Amino acid sequence: MIRYQLRCGAGHEFEGWFPGSAAFERQAAAGLLSCPHCGTPDVTRALMAPAVHTGMPARQAEAATTPVTPMPAPTSTPPGHAPQAMPDTMLALLQKIRDTVEAHCDDVGDRFAEEALGMHRGEREARGIYGSMTEEEHAELDEAGVEIHAIPWVRRADS
């Protein structure tokens, strides 16, 4: 794996991990990369300092000089909902996912399980859908082998 420092057209810097340089080039050319801060697909590699190895591995050296701070206790978050406090980059990515889902999929509301099961059985036309379901409906879909993906549903970027 290769870690690249990336920069968008707006000047935001972030990192990305790729199997190799060709994978980065393919993804960039196909428009599959975007800035986690602003969402622009104008992403290029930024100038990076080379990794220099010393006698002690970097993680050990960092651990030796960094005080240990206890992690706060996790808060309980309902399934399918994002926690209130999250990094801005993650919030921006989840907002972009929400925008894409809303733009390209049908909101079937609380009929999600019924619609998904119907598509799985070939009784309904296959299409992208989103909505809600109960825990019992989730178990029913799982038992039937219906592949579903739950994502944290965050507030819209414009709200």
Protein backbone atom coordinates (compact mmCIF):
# COMPACT_ATOMS: atom_id res chain seq x y z
CA MET A 1 0.00 0.00 0.00
CA ILE A 2 1.12 3.53 -0.78
CA ARG A 3 0.05 6.56 1.23
CA TYR A 4 -0.18 9.74 -0.81
CA GLN A 5 -0.64 13.26 0.46
CA LEU A 6 -3.42 14.64 -1.76
CA ARG A 7 -4.62 18.19 -2.49
CA CYS A 8 -7.84 19.41 -4.05
CA GLY A 9 -8.28 22.40 -6.36
CA ALA A 10 -9.45 24.47 -3.37
CA GLY A 11 -6.17 23.78 -1.52
CA HIS A 12 -7.40 21.28 1.07
CA GLU A 13 -4.85 18.59 1.92
CA PHE A 14 -5.64 15.04 3.02
CA GLU A 15 -4.18 11.57 2.68
CA GLY A 16 -5.21 8.61 0.58
CA TRP A 17 -4.08 4.98 0.55
CA PHE A 18 -3.73 3.06 -2.71
CA PRO A 19 -2.48 -0.42 -3.71
CA GLY A 20 0.00 1.29 -6.05
CA SER A 21 0.59 4.43 -8.11
CA ALA A 22 -1.35 2.98 -11.07
CA ALA A 23 -4.42 2.58 -8.84
CA PHE A 24 -4.25 6.27 -7.91
CA GLU A 25 -3.92 7.26 -11.57
CA ARG A 26 -6.88 5.06 -12.62
CA GLN A 27 -9.13 6.38 -9.85
CA ALA A 28 -8.18 9.99 -10.52
CA ALA A 29 -8.75 9.60 -14.28
CA ALA A 30 -12.16 7.98 -13.68
CA GLY A 31 -13.22 10.81 -11.35
CA LEU A 32 -13.55 8.46 -8.38
CA LEU A 33 -11.58 10.67 -6.00
CA SER A 34 -12.99 13.68 -4.20
CA CYS A 35 -11.97 16.04 -1.43
CA PRO A 36 -13.41 15.03 1.96
CA HIS A 37 -13.59 18.72 2.92
CA CYS A 38 -15.43 20.25 -0.04
CA GLY A 39 -16.28 17.32 -2.32
CA THR A 40 -14.52 18.58 -5.45
CA PRO A 41 -13.25 15.81 -7.76
CA ASP A 42 -10.21 17.95 -8.68
CA VAL A 43 -7.67 15.89 -6.69
CA THR A 44 -3.92 15.65 -7.31
CA ARG A 45 -0.93 14.33 -5.41
CA ALA A 46 0.70 16.91 -3.14
CA LEU A 47 4.40 17.25 -2.46
CA MET A 48 5.43 14.76 0.22
CA ALA A 49 8.50 14.40 2.39
CA PRO A 50 10.22 11.03 2.04
CA ALA A 51 9.97 8.56 4.90
CA VAL A 52 13.27 8.47 6.79
CA HIS A 53 13.91 5.50 9.06
CA THR A 54 15.97 5.95 12.20
CA GLY A 55 17.17 3.36 14.69
CA MET A 56 13.80 3.27 16.48
CA PRO A 57 10.62 2.62 14.49
CA ALA A 58 8.55 5.82 14.20
CA ARG A 59 5.57 4.41 16.09
CA GLN A 60 7.79 3.36 19.01
CA ALA A 61 9.51 6.75 19.09
CA GLU A 62 6.18 8.55 19.01
CA ALA A 63 4.76 6.30 21.72
CA ALA A 64 7.82 6.91 23.90
CA THR A 65 7.35 10.70 23.80
CA THR A 66 3.56 10.98 23.66
CA PRO A 67 1.63 10.99 26.95
CA VAL A 68 -1.21 8.50 27.14
CA THR A 69 -4.62 10.17 27.29
CA PRO A 70 -7.57 7.95 28.18
CA MET A 71 -10.24 7.74 25.50
CA PRO A 72 -13.68 9.04 26.49
CA ALA A 73 -16.31 6.38 27.06
CA PRO A 74 -18.29 5.70 23.87
CA THR A 75 -21.77 7.14 23.75
CA SER A 76 -24.70 5.06 22.68
CA THR A 77 -25.84 5.88 19.15
CA PRO A 78 -28.98 4.38 17.60
CA PRO A 79 -28.29 1.99 14.68
CA GLY A 80 -28.08 3.82 11.35
CA HIS A 81 -27.51 7.22 12.97
CA ALA A 82 -24.25 9.12 13.19
CA PRO A 83 -22.93 10.29 16.53
CA GLN A 84 -23.25 14.02 17.27
CA ALA A 85 -19.50 14.70 17.46
CA MET A 86 -17.48 13.51 14.50
CA PRO A 87 -14.58 14.91 12.51
CA ASP A 88 -15.56 17.46 9.87
CA THR A 89 -14.02 15.33 7.11
CA MET A 90 -16.16 12.33 8.06
CA LEU A 91 -19.28 14.50 8.26
CA ALA A 92 -18.53 15.93 4.80
CA LEU A 93 -18.11 12.42 3.34
CA LEU A 94 -21.36 11.18 4.92
CA GLN A 95 -23.17 14.29 3.65
CA LYS A 96 -21.86 13.57 0.15
CA ILE A 97 -23.07 9.96 0.44
CA ARG A 98 -26.50 11.20 1.56
CA ASP A 99 -26.69 13.65 -1.38
CA THR A 100 -25.78 10.86 -3.81
CA VAL A 101 -28.29 8.41 -2.34
CA GLU A 102 -31.08 11.00 -2.40
CA ALA A 103 -30.22 11.98 -5.99
CA HIS A 104 -30.04 8.45 -7.41
CA CYS A 105 -32.30 6.26 -5.26
CA ASP A 106 -36.00 6.14 -4.39
CA ASP A 107 -37.10 6.96 -0.84
CA VAL A 108 -39.49 4.14 0.06
CA GLY A 109 -39.80 5.18 3.72
CA ASP A 110 -40.96 2.46 6.09
CA ARG A 111 -41.67 0.12 3.14
CA PHE A 112 -37.92 -0.49 2.74
CA ALA A 113 -37.95 -4.14 3.84
CA GLU A 114 -40.98 -4.96 1.69
CA GLU A 115 -39.44 -3.32 -1.41
CA ALA A 116 -35.99 -4.87 -0.87
CA LEU A 117 -37.46 -8.34 -0.39
CA GLY A 118 -39.64 -7.92 -3.50
CA MET A 119 -36.60 -6.97 -5.60
CA HIS A 120 -34.61 -9.87 -4.14
CA ARG A 121 -37.36 -12.30 -5.14
CA GLY A 122 -37.70 -10.77 -8.62
CA GLU A 123 -41.24 -9.52 -7.90
CA ARG A 124 -40.21 -5.87 -8.33
CA GLU A 125 -37.85 -4.10 -10.69
CA ALA A 126 -34.35 -3.79 -9.21
CA ARG A 127 -33.42 -0.20 -8.38
CA GLY A 128 -31.62 1.79 -5.72
CA ILE A 129 -33.81 2.44 -2.69
CA TYR A 130 -33.45 3.84 0.80
CA GLY A 131 -35.72 4.05 3.80
CA SER A 132 -36.20 2.61 7.25
CA MET A 133 -37.01 -0.75 8.78
CA THR A 134 -37.51 -2.36 12.16
CA GLU A 135 -35.03 -4.75 13.76
CA GLU A 136 -37.40 -7.62 12.96
CA GLU A 137 -37.54 -6.61 9.28
CA HIS A 138 -33.73 -6.35 9.23
CA ALA A 139 -33.48 -9.90 10.63
CA GLU A 140 -35.99 -11.12 7.99
CA LEU A 141 -33.95 -9.57 5.16
CA ASP A 142 -30.75 -11.03 6.58
CA GLU A 143 -32.32 -14.47 6.84
CA ALA A 144 -33.54 -14.23 3.23
CA GLY A 145 -30.02 -13.33 2.04
CA VAL A 146 -30.91 -9.80 0.94
CA GLU A 147 -27.77 -7.67 0.78
CA ILE A 148 -28.35 -4.29 2.38
CA HIS A 149 -26.05 -1.57 3.65
CA ALA A 150 -26.85 0.76 6.54
CA ILE A 151 -25.17 4.14 6.52
CA PRO A 152 -25.24 6.86 9.16
CA TRP A 153 -27.91 9.35 8.06
CA VAL A 154 -26.43 12.75 8.91
CA ARG A 155 -27.97 16.19 8.46
CA ARG A 156 -27.77 17.65 4.96
CA ALA A 157 -24.78 19.81 4.12
CA ASP A 158 -27.06 22.78 3.41
CA SER A 159 -28.91 22.60 6.75
